[in-house]
Amino acid sequence: MLHSFKHKGLQELYEAGKTGRIDRGMHKRIIRRLDAWASASRPENMNIPGSDFHRLQGSAPIRDTVHINGSWCVTFEWDDGAENVDYVQYH
């Protein structure tokens, strides 16, 4: 379940199906990930092929991440659902 968003573009994409804050070429892939979170009962449910699901080291609070494309990832905290869902670029 998705509880809250840190990235406004992700929230717009999830709620309205479009946003100008994220490259259009990534919308479909991100929407698939967000839909998976909406039905997930635990963070490990996001460990789908090609997602490179893993826990971020040294982050407090604990955050997990899934790969979207290139260096772009969606990160999240988990407390009975995904919280503070963010869209970040790692180098």
PDB file of N, CA and C in Angstrom:
ATOM      1  N   MET A   1       0.839  -1.176   0.000  1.00  0.00           N
ATOM      2  CA  MET A   1       0.000   0.000   0.000  1.00  0.00           C
ATOM      3  C   MET A   1       0.884   1.239   0.000  1.00  0.00           C
ATOM      4  N   LEU A   2       0.463   2.263  -0.686  1.00  0.00           N
ATOM      5  CA  LEU A   2       1.177   3.538  -0.731  1.00  0.00           C
ATOM      6  C   LEU A   2       0.543   4.509   0.261  1.00  0.00           C
ATOM      7  N   HIS A   3       1.350   4.992   1.199  1.00  0.00           N
ATOM      8  CA  HIS A   3       0.829   5.916   2.209  1.00  0.00           C
ATOM      9  C   HIS A   3       1.169   7.374   1.919  1.00  0.00           C
ATOM     10  N   SER A   4       2.423   7.633   1.492  1.00  0.00           N
ATOM     11  CA  SER A   4       2.813   9.026   1.278  1.00  0.00           C
ATOM     12  C   SER A   4       3.955   9.125   0.271  1.00  0.00           C
ATOM     13  N   PHE A   5       4.071  10.306  -0.311  1.00  0.00           N
ATOM     14  CA  PHE A   5       5.096  10.571  -1.314  1.00  0.00           C
ATOM     15  C   PHE A   5       5.993  11.707  -0.849  1.00  0.00           C
ATOM     16  N   LYS A   6       7.268  11.585  -1.142  1.00  0.00           N
ATOM     17  CA  LYS A   6       8.217  12.668  -0.916  1.00  0.00           C
ATOM     18  C   LYS A   6       8.380  13.470  -2.207  1.00  0.00           C
ATOM     19  N   HIS A   7       8.306  12.792  -3.347  1.00  0.00           N
ATOM     20  CA  HIS A   7       8.479  13.411  -4.668  1.00  0.00           C
ATOM     21  C   HIS A   7       7.104  13.757  -5.242  1.00  0.00           C
ATOM     22  N   LYS A   8       6.852  15.033  -5.468  1.00  0.00           N
ATOM     23  CA  LYS A   8       5.543  15.477  -5.958  1.00  0.00           C
ATOM     24  C   LYS A   8       5.204  14.894  -7.327  1.00  0.00           C
ATOM     25  N   GLY A   9       6.206  14.714  -8.178  1.00  0.00           N
ATOM     26  CA  GLY A   9       5.969  14.137  -9.498  1.00  0.00           C
ATOM     27  C   GLY A   9       5.468  12.706  -9.418  1.00  0.00           C
ATOM     28  N   LEU A  10       5.998  11.924  -8.485  1.00  0.00           N
ATOM     29  CA  LEU A  10       5.512  10.552  -8.303  1.00  0.00           C
ATOM     30  C   LEU A  10       4.053  10.551  -7.867  1.00  0.00           C
ATOM     31  N   GLN A  11       3.718  11.449  -6.958  1.00  0.00           N
ATOM     32  CA  GLN A  11       2.336  11.531  -6.491  1.00  0.00           C
ATOM     33  C   GLN A  11       1.405  11.924  -7.639  1.00  0.00           C
ATOM     34  N   GLU A  12       1.805  12.898  -8.443  1.00  0.00           N
ATOM     35  CA  GLU A  12       0.993  13.301  -9.598  1.00  0.00           C
ATOM     36  C   GLU A  12       0.824  12.142 -10.571  1.00  0.00           C
ATOM     37  N   LEU A  13       1.907  11.427 -10.828  1.00  0.00           N
ATOM     38  CA  LEU A  13       1.862  10.305 -11.760  1.00  0.00           C
ATOM     39  C   LEU A  13       0.930   9.217 -11.248  1.00  0.00           C
ATOM     40  N   TYR A  14       0.991   8.928  -9.957  1.00  0.00           N
ATOM     41  CA  TYR A  14       0.149   7.891  -9.361  1.00  0.00           C
ATOM     42  C   TYR A  14      -1.327   8.301  -9.350  1.00  0.00           C
ATOM     43  N   GLU A  15      -1.591   9.536  -9.004  1.00  0.00           N
ATOM     44  CA  GLU A  15      -2.973   9.991  -8.855  1.00  0.00           C
ATOM     45  C   GLU A  15      -3.619  10.415 -10.174  1.00  0.00           C
ATOM     46  N   ALA A  16      -2.848  11.028 -11.077  1.00  0.00           N
ATOM     47  CA  ALA A  16      -3.426  11.568 -12.310  1.00  0.00           C
ATOM     48  C   ALA A  16      -2.974  10.837 -13.572  1.00  0.00           C
ATOM     49  N   GLY A  17      -1.939   9.993 -13.437  1.00  0.00           N
ATOM     50  CA  GLY A  17      -1.448   9.257 -14.594  1.00  0.00           C
ATOM     51  C   GLY A  17      -0.509  10.044 -15.486  1.00  0.00           C
ATOM     52  N   LYS A  18      -0.159  11.268 -15.055  1.00  0.00           N
ATOM     53  CA  LYS A  18       0.779  12.073 -15.833  1.00  0.00           C
ATOM     54  C   LYS A  18       1.413  13.124 -14.931  1.00  0.00           C
ATOM     55  N   THR A  19       2.591  13.591 -15.359  1.00  0.00           N
ATOM     56  CA  THR A  19       3.293  14.660 -14.651  1.00  0.00           C
ATOM     57  C   THR A  19       4.334  15.254 -15.581  1.00  0.00           C
ATOM     58  N   GLY A  20       4.632  16.508 -15.397  1.00  0.00           N
ATOM     59  CA  GLY A  20       5.697  17.154 -16.147  1.00  0.00           C
ATOM     60  C   GLY A  20       7.013  17.138 -15.389  1.00  0.00           C
ATOM     61  N   ARG A  21       7.008  16.572 -14.190  1.00  0.00           N
ATOM     62  CA  ARG A  21       8.194  16.581 -13.330  1.00  0.00           C
ATOM     63  C   ARG A  21       9.119  15.392 -13.560  1.00  0.00           C
ATOM     64  N   ILE A  22       8.665  14.417 -14.353  1.00  0.00           N
ATOM     65  CA  ILE A  22       9.446  13.206 -14.624  1.00  0.00           C
ATOM     66  C   ILE A  22       9.429  12.968 -16.127  1.00  0.00           C
ATOM     67  N   ASP A  23      10.577  12.562 -16.661  1.00  0.00           N
ATOM     68  CA  ASP A  23      10.702  12.255 -18.090  1.00  0.00           C
ATOM     69  C   ASP A  23       9.578  11.317 -18.524  1.00  0.00           C
ATOM     70  N   ARG A  24       8.863  11.710 -19.566  1.00  0.00           N
ATOM     71  CA  ARG A  24       7.724  10.915 -20.059  1.00  0.00           C
ATOM     72  C   ARG A  24       8.095   9.493 -20.414  1.00  0.00           C
ATOM     73  N   GLY A  25       9.319   9.284 -20.873  1.00  0.00           N
ATOM     74  CA  GLY A  25       9.763   7.957 -21.258  1.00  0.00           C
ATOM     75  C   GLY A  25       9.809   6.970 -20.104  1.00  0.00           C
ATOM     76  N   MET A  26       9.754   7.469 -18.883  1.00  0.00           N
ATOM     77  CA  MET A  26       9.806   6.596 -17.708  1.00  0.00           C
ATOM     78  C   MET A  26       8.444   6.387 -17.055  1.00  0.00           C
ATOM     79  N   HIS A  27       7.425   7.088 -17.516  1.00  0.00           N
ATOM     80  CA  HIS A  27       6.114   7.026 -16.870  1.00  0.00           C
ATOM     81  C   HIS A  27       5.563   5.606 -16.755  1.00  0.00           C
ATOM     82  N   LYS A  28       5.537   4.856 -17.847  1.00  0.00           N
ATOM     83  CA  LYS A  28       4.930   3.514 -17.811  1.00  0.00           C
ATOM     84  C   LYS A  28       5.639   2.607 -16.826  1.00  0.00           C
ATOM     85  N   ARG A  29       6.960   2.636 -16.843  1.00  0.00           N
ATOM     86  CA  ARG A  29       7.729   1.773 -15.942  1.00  0.00           C
ATOM     87  C   ARG A  29       7.478   2.158 -14.481  1.00  0.00           C
ATOM     88  N   ILE A  30       7.457   3.452 -14.208  1.00  0.00           N
ATOM     89  CA  ILE A  30       7.215   3.910 -12.839  1.00  0.00           C
ATOM     90  C   ILE A  30       5.803   3.551 -12.405  1.00  0.00           C
ATOM     91  N   ILE A  31       4.823   3.748 -13.264  1.00  0.00           N
ATOM     92  CA  ILE A  31       3.437   3.412 -12.917  1.00  0.00           C
ATOM     93  C   ILE A  31       3.316   1.934 -12.572  1.00  0.00           C
ATOM     94  N   ARG A  32       4.005   1.063 -13.315  1.00  0.00           N
ATOM     95  CA  ARG A  32       3.972  -0.369 -12.990  1.00  0.00           C
ATOM     96  C   ARG A  32       4.520  -0.620 -11.590  1.00  0.00           C
ATOM     97  N   ARG A  33       5.609   0.064 -11.235  1.00  0.00           N
ATOM     98  CA  ARG A  33       6.192  -0.100  -9.899  1.00  0.00           C
ATOM     99  C   ARG A  33       5.233   0.430  -8.827  1.00  0.00           C
ATOM    100  N   LEU A  34       4.643   1.595  -9.077  1.00  0.00           N
ATOM    101  CA  LEU A  34       3.716   2.168  -8.098  1.00  0.00           C
ATOM    102  C   LEU A  34       2.497   1.276  -7.905  1.00  0.00           C
ATOM    103  N   ASP A  35       1.990   0.706  -8.982  1.00  0.00           N
ATOM    104  CA  ASP A  35       0.861  -0.221  -8.871  1.00  0.00           C
ATOM    105  C   ASP A  35       1.242  -1.445  -8.051  1.00  0.00           C
ATOM    106  N   ALA A  36       2.474  -1.924  -8.219  1.00  0.00           N
ATOM    107  CA  ALA A  36       2.938  -3.073  -7.433  1.00  0.00           C
ATOM    108  C   ALA A  36       2.998  -2.708  -5.953  1.00  0.00           C
ATOM    109  N   TRP A  37       3.451  -1.490  -5.625  1.00  0.00           N
ATOM    110  CA  TRP A  37       3.479  -1.062  -4.229  1.00  0.00           C
ATOM    111  C   TRP A  37       2.078  -1.006  -3.648  1.00  0.00           C
ATOM    112  N   ALA A  38       1.135  -0.560  -4.433  1.00  0.00           N
ATOM    113  CA  ALA A  38      -0.235  -0.413  -3.941  1.00  0.00           C
ATOM    114  C   ALA A  38      -0.805  -1.739  -3.457  1.00  0.00           C
ATOM    115  N   SER A  39      -0.331  -2.850  -4.027  1.00  0.00           N
ATOM    116  CA  SER A  39      -0.851  -4.157  -3.612  1.00  0.00           C
ATOM    117  C   SER A  39       0.138  -4.946  -2.757  1.00  0.00           C
ATOM    118  N   ALA A  40       1.304  -4.380  -2.472  1.00  0.00           N
ATOM    119  CA  ALA A  40       2.330  -5.091  -1.697  1.00  0.00           C
ATOM    120  C   ALA A  40       1.959  -5.146  -0.218  1.00  0.00           C
ATOM    121  N   SER A  41       2.231  -6.291   0.401  1.00  0.00           N
ATOM    122  CA  SER A  41       1.973  -6.440   1.831  1.00  0.00           C
ATOM    123  C   SER A  41       3.252  -6.340   2.653  1.00  0.00           C
ATOM    124  N   ARG A  42       4.407  -6.367   1.980  1.00  0.00           N
ATOM    125  CA  ARG A  42       5.702  -6.204   2.646  1.00  0.00           C
ATOM    126  C   ARG A  42       6.708  -5.730   1.603  1.00  0.00           C
ATOM    127  N   PRO A  43       7.801  -5.104   2.018  1.00  0.00           N
ATOM    128  CA  PRO A  43       8.737  -4.538   1.044  1.00  0.00           C
ATOM    129  C   PRO A  43       9.323  -5.571   0.093  1.00  0.00           C
ATOM    130  N   GLU A  44       9.524  -6.793   0.548  1.00  0.00           N
ATOM    131  CA  GLU A  44      10.107  -7.836  -0.293  1.00  0.00           C
ATOM    132  C   GLU A  44       9.241  -8.159  -1.504  1.00  0.00           C
ATOM    133  N   ASN A  45       7.962  -7.802  -1.465  1.00  0.00           N
ATOM    134  CA  ASN A  45       7.088  -8.003  -2.621  1.00  0.00           C
ATOM    135  C   ASN A  45       7.550  -7.179  -3.825  1.00  0.00           C
ATOM    136  N   MET A  46       8.391  -6.187  -3.586  1.00  0.00           N
ATOM    137  CA  MET A  46       8.909  -5.346  -4.669  1.00  0.00           C
ATOM    138  C   MET A  46      10.134  -5.957  -5.332  1.00  0.00           C
ATOM    139  N   ASN A  47      10.568  -7.110  -4.851  1.00  0.00           N
ATOM    140  CA  ASN A  47      11.743  -7.776  -5.423  1.00  0.00           C
ATOM    141  C   ASN A  47      11.331  -8.544  -6.675  1.00  0.00           C
ATOM    142  N   ILE A  48      11.060  -7.804  -7.745  1.00  0.00           N
ATOM    143  CA  ILE A  48      10.641  -8.401  -9.010  1.00  0.00           C
ATOM    144  C   ILE A  48      11.824  -8.386  -9.978  1.00  0.00           C
ATOM    145  N   PRO A  49      11.868  -9.309 -10.925  1.00  0.00           N
ATOM    146  CA  PRO A  49      13.002  -9.369 -11.851  1.00  0.00           C
ATOM    147  C   PRO A  49      13.269  -8.020 -12.523  1.00  0.00           C
ATOM    148  N   GLY A  50      14.531  -7.638 -12.538  1.00  0.00           N
ATOM    149  CA  GLY A  50      14.939  -6.393 -13.177  1.00  0.00           C
ATOM    150  C   GLY A  50      14.825  -5.159 -12.310  1.00  0.00           C
ATOM    151  N   SER A  51      14.343  -5.312 -11.072  1.00  0.00           N
ATOM    152  CA  SER A  51      14.139  -4.141 -10.225  1.00  0.00           C
ATOM    153  C   SER A  51      15.352  -3.787  -9.376  1.00  0.00           C
ATOM    154  N   ASP A  52      16.304  -4.708  -9.229  1.00  0.00           N
ATOM    155  CA  ASP A  52      17.477  -4.501  -8.376  1.00  0.00           C
ATOM    156  C   ASP A  52      17.047  -4.012  -6.996  1.00  0.00           C
ATOM    157  N   PHE A  53      16.033  -4.647  -6.432  1.00  0.00           N
ATOM    158  CA  PHE A  53      15.539  -4.303  -5.101  1.00  0.00           C
ATOM    159  C   PHE A  53      16.641  -4.523  -4.072  1.00  0.00           C
ATOM    160  N   HIS A  54      16.887  -3.527  -3.226  1.00  0.00           N
ATOM    161  CA  HIS A  54      17.829  -3.707  -2.125  1.00  0.00           C
ATOM    162  C   HIS A  54      17.638  -2.617  -1.073  1.00  0.00           C
ATOM    163  N   ARG A  55      18.167  -2.899   0.103  1.00  0.00           N
ATOM    164  CA  ARG A  55      18.119  -1.949   1.212  1.00  0.00           C
ATOM    165  C   ARG A  55      19.288  -0.984   1.067  1.00  0.00           C
ATOM    166  N   LEU A  56      19.019   0.300   1.255  1.00  0.00           N
ATOM    167  CA  LEU A  56      20.080   1.302   1.193  1.00  0.00           C
ATOM    168  C   LEU A  56      20.912   1.225   2.470  1.00  0.00           C
ATOM    169  N   GLN A  57      22.204   1.153   2.311  1.00  0.00           N
ATOM    170  CA  GLN A  57      23.110   1.055   3.448  1.00  0.00           C
ATOM    171  C   GLN A  57      23.282   2.415   4.118  1.00  0.00           C
ATOM    172  N   GLY A  58      23.259   2.417   5.436  1.00  0.00           N
ATOM    173  CA  GLY A  58      23.529   3.629   6.196  1.00  0.00           C
ATOM    174  C   GLY A  58      22.422   4.653   6.201  1.00  0.00           C
ATOM    175  N   SER A  59      21.246   4.290   5.755  1.00  0.00           N
ATOM    176  CA  SER A  59      20.153   5.270   5.763  1.00  0.00           C
ATOM    177  C   SER A  59      19.329   5.111   7.032  1.00  0.00           C
ATOM    178  N   ALA A  60      18.980   6.230   7.618  1.00  0.00           N
ATOM    179  CA  ALA A  60      18.101   6.216   8.779  1.00  0.00           C
ATOM    180  C   ALA A  60      17.046   7.278   8.531  1.00  0.00           C
ATOM    181  N   PRO A  61      15.796   6.944   8.538  1.00  0.00           N
ATOM    182  CA  PRO A  61      15.248   5.606   8.756  1.00  0.00           C
ATOM    183  C   PRO A  61      15.588   4.650   7.607  1.00  0.00           C
ATOM    184  N   ILE A  62      15.324   3.379   7.833  1.00  0.00           N
ATOM    185  CA  ILE A  62      15.629   2.343   6.847  1.00  0.00           C
ATOM    186  C   ILE A  62      14.847   2.609   5.567  1.00  0.00           C
ATOM    187  N   ARG A  63      15.564   2.616   4.433  1.00  0.00           N
ATOM    188  CA  ARG A  63      14.949   2.825   3.123  1.00  0.00           C
ATOM    189  C   ARG A  63      15.358   1.701   2.196  1.00  0.00           C
ATOM    190  N   ASP A  64      14.431   1.289   1.355  1.00  0.00           N
ATOM    191  CA  ASP A  64      14.696   0.313   0.311  1.00  0.00           C
ATOM    192  C   ASP A  64      14.610   1.039  -1.023  1.00  0.00           C
ATOM    193  N   THR A  65      15.119   0.402  -2.072  1.00  0.00           N
ATOM    194  CA  THR A  65      15.125   1.037  -3.384  1.00  0.00           C
ATOM    195  C   THR A  65      14.851   0.020  -4.482  1.00  0.00           C
ATOM    196  N   VAL A  66      14.246   0.488  -5.549  1.00  0.00           N
ATOM    197  CA  VAL A  66      14.092  -0.314  -6.763  1.00  0.00           C
ATOM    198  C   VAL A  66      14.583   0.528  -7.935  1.00  0.00           C
ATOM    199  N   HIS A  67      15.225  -0.139  -8.868  1.00  0.00           N
ATOM    200  CA  HIS A  67      15.794   0.493 -10.056  1.00  0.00           C
ATOM    201  C   HIS A  67      14.678   0.802 -11.058  1.00  0.00           C
ATOM    202  N   ILE A  68      14.753   1.961 -11.685  1.00  0.00           N
ATOM    203  CA  ILE A  68      13.789   2.327 -12.727  1.00  0.00           C
ATOM    204  C   ILE A  68      14.460   2.294 -14.092  1.00  0.00           C
ATOM    205  N   ASN A  69      15.489   3.112 -14.274  1.00  0.00           N
ATOM    206  CA  ASN A  69      16.170   3.179 -15.571  1.00  0.00           C
ATOM    207  C   ASN A  69      17.478   3.939 -15.394  1.00  0.00           C
ATOM    208  N   GLY A  70      18.570   3.417 -15.963  1.00  0.00           N
ATOM    209  CA  GLY A  70      19.853   4.092 -15.820  1.00  0.00           C
ATOM    210  C   GLY A  70      20.191   4.270 -14.355  1.00  0.00           C
ATOM    211  N   SER A  71      20.447   5.507 -13.959  1.00  0.00           N
ATOM    212  CA  SER A  71      20.780   5.777 -12.561  1.00  0.00           C
ATOM    213  C   SER A  71      19.567   6.216 -11.742  1.00  0.00           C
ATOM    214  N   TRP A  72      18.380   6.135 -12.310  1.00  0.00           N
ATOM    215  CA  TRP A  72      17.160   6.559 -11.612  1.00  0.00           C
ATOM    216  C   TRP A  72      16.551   5.414 -10.812  1.00  0.00           C
ATOM    217  N   CYS A  73      16.179   5.732  -9.561  1.00  0.00           N
ATOM    218  CA  CYS A  73      15.588   4.743  -8.651  1.00  0.00           C
ATOM    219  C   CYS A  73      14.418   5.373  -7.905  1.00  0.00           C
ATOM    220  N   VAL A  74      13.557   4.521  -7.395  1.00  0.00           N
ATOM    221  CA  VAL A  74      12.511   4.952  -6.479  1.00  0.00           C
ATOM    222  C   VAL A  74      12.864   4.354  -5.126  1.00  0.00           C
ATOM    223  N   THR A  75      12.928   5.205  -4.107  1.00  0.00           N
ATOM    224  CA  THR A  75      13.252   4.756  -2.758  1.00  0.00           C
ATOM    225  C   THR A  75      12.028   4.927  -1.871  1.00  0.00           C
ATOM    226  N   PHE A  76      11.995   4.151  -0.794  1.00  0.00           N
ATOM    227  CA  PHE A  76      10.840   4.214   0.093  1.00  0.00           C
ATOM    228  C   PHE A  76      11.177   3.677   1.471  1.00  0.00           C
ATOM    229  N   GLU A  77      10.389   4.099   2.446  1.00  0.00           N
ATOM    230  CA  GLU A  77      10.405   3.537   3.791  1.00  0.00           C
ATOM    231  C   GLU A  77       9.197   2.618   3.863  1.00  0.00           C
ATOM    232  N   TRP A  78       9.170   1.730   4.855  1.00  0.00           N
ATOM    233  CA  TRP A  78       8.045   0.807   4.968  1.00  0.00           C
ATOM    234  C   TRP A  78       7.519   0.781   6.388  1.00  0.00           C
ATOM    235  N   ASP A  79       6.237   1.058   6.556  1.00  0.00           N
ATOM    236  CA  ASP A  79       5.545   0.914   7.834  1.00  0.00           C
ATOM    237  C   ASP A  79       4.114   0.531   7.498  1.00  0.00           C
ATOM    238  N   ASP A  80       3.893  -0.757   7.301  1.00  0.00           N
ATOM    239  CA  ASP A  80       2.597  -1.275   6.872  1.00  0.00           C
ATOM    240  C   ASP A  80       2.179  -0.661   5.534  1.00  0.00           C
ATOM    241  N   GLY A  81       3.168  -0.375   4.714  1.00  0.00           N
ATOM    242  CA  GLY A  81       2.961   0.216   3.401  1.00  0.00           C
ATOM    243  C   GLY A  81       4.110   1.149   3.070  1.00  0.00           C
ATOM    244  N   ALA A  82       4.246   1.498   1.798  1.00  0.00           N
ATOM    245  CA  ALA A  82       5.331   2.381   1.364  1.00  0.00           C
ATOM    246  C   ALA A  82       5.045   3.812   1.803  1.00  0.00           C
ATOM    247  N   GLU A  83       6.065   4.448   2.376  1.00  0.00           N
ATOM    248  CA  GLU A  83       5.955   5.826   2.837  1.00  0.00           C
ATOM    249  C   GLU A  83       7.111   6.646   2.299  1.00  0.00           C
ATOM    250  N   ASN A  84       6.902   7.946   2.201  1.00  0.00           N
ATOM    251  CA  ASN A  84       7.945   8.859   1.735  1.00  0.00           C
ATOM    252  C   ASN A  84       8.601   8.340   0.459  1.00  0.00           C
ATOM    253  N   VAL A  85       7.776   7.955  -0.497  1.00  0.00           N
ATOM    254  CA  VAL A  85       8.262   7.403  -1.760  1.00  0.00           C
ATOM    255  C   VAL A  85       8.925   8.534  -2.549  1.00  0.00           C
ATOM    256  N   ASP A  86      10.172   8.301  -2.957  1.00  0.00           N
ATOM    257  CA  ASP A  86      10.965   9.349  -3.592  1.00  0.00           C
ATOM    258  C   ASP A  86      11.561   8.845  -4.904  1.00  0.00           C
ATOM    259  N   TYR A  87      11.831   9.753  -5.806  1.00  0.00           N
ATOM    260  CA  TYR A  87      12.436   9.460  -7.109  1.00  0.00           C
ATOM    261  C   TYR A  87      13.790  10.145  -7.124  1.00  0.00           C
ATOM    262  N   VAL A  88      14.858   9.369  -7.180  1.00  0.00           N
ATOM    263  CA  VAL A  88      16.200   9.929  -7.043  1.00  0.00           C
ATOM    264  C   VAL A  88      17.131   9.391  -8.120  1.00  0.00           C
ATOM    265  N   GLN A  89      18.172  10.160  -8.383  1.00  0.00           N
ATOM    266  CA  GLN A  89      19.187   9.749  -9.350  1.00  0.00           C
ATOM    267  C   GLN A  89      20.489   9.511  -8.604  1.00  0.00           C
ATOM    268  N   TYR A  90      21.019   8.297  -8.758  1.00  0.00           N
ATOM    269  CA  TYR A  90      22.311   7.957  -8.177  1.00  0.00           C
ATOM    270  C   TYR A  90      23.335   7.930  -9.287  1.00  0.00           C
ATOM    271  N   HIS A  91      24.539   8.375  -8.989  1.00  0.00           N
ATOM    272  CA  HIS A  91      25.585   8.400 -10.027  1.00  0.00           C
ATOM    273  C   HIS A  91      26.340   7.108 -10.098  1.00  0.00           C
TER     274      HIS A  91
END
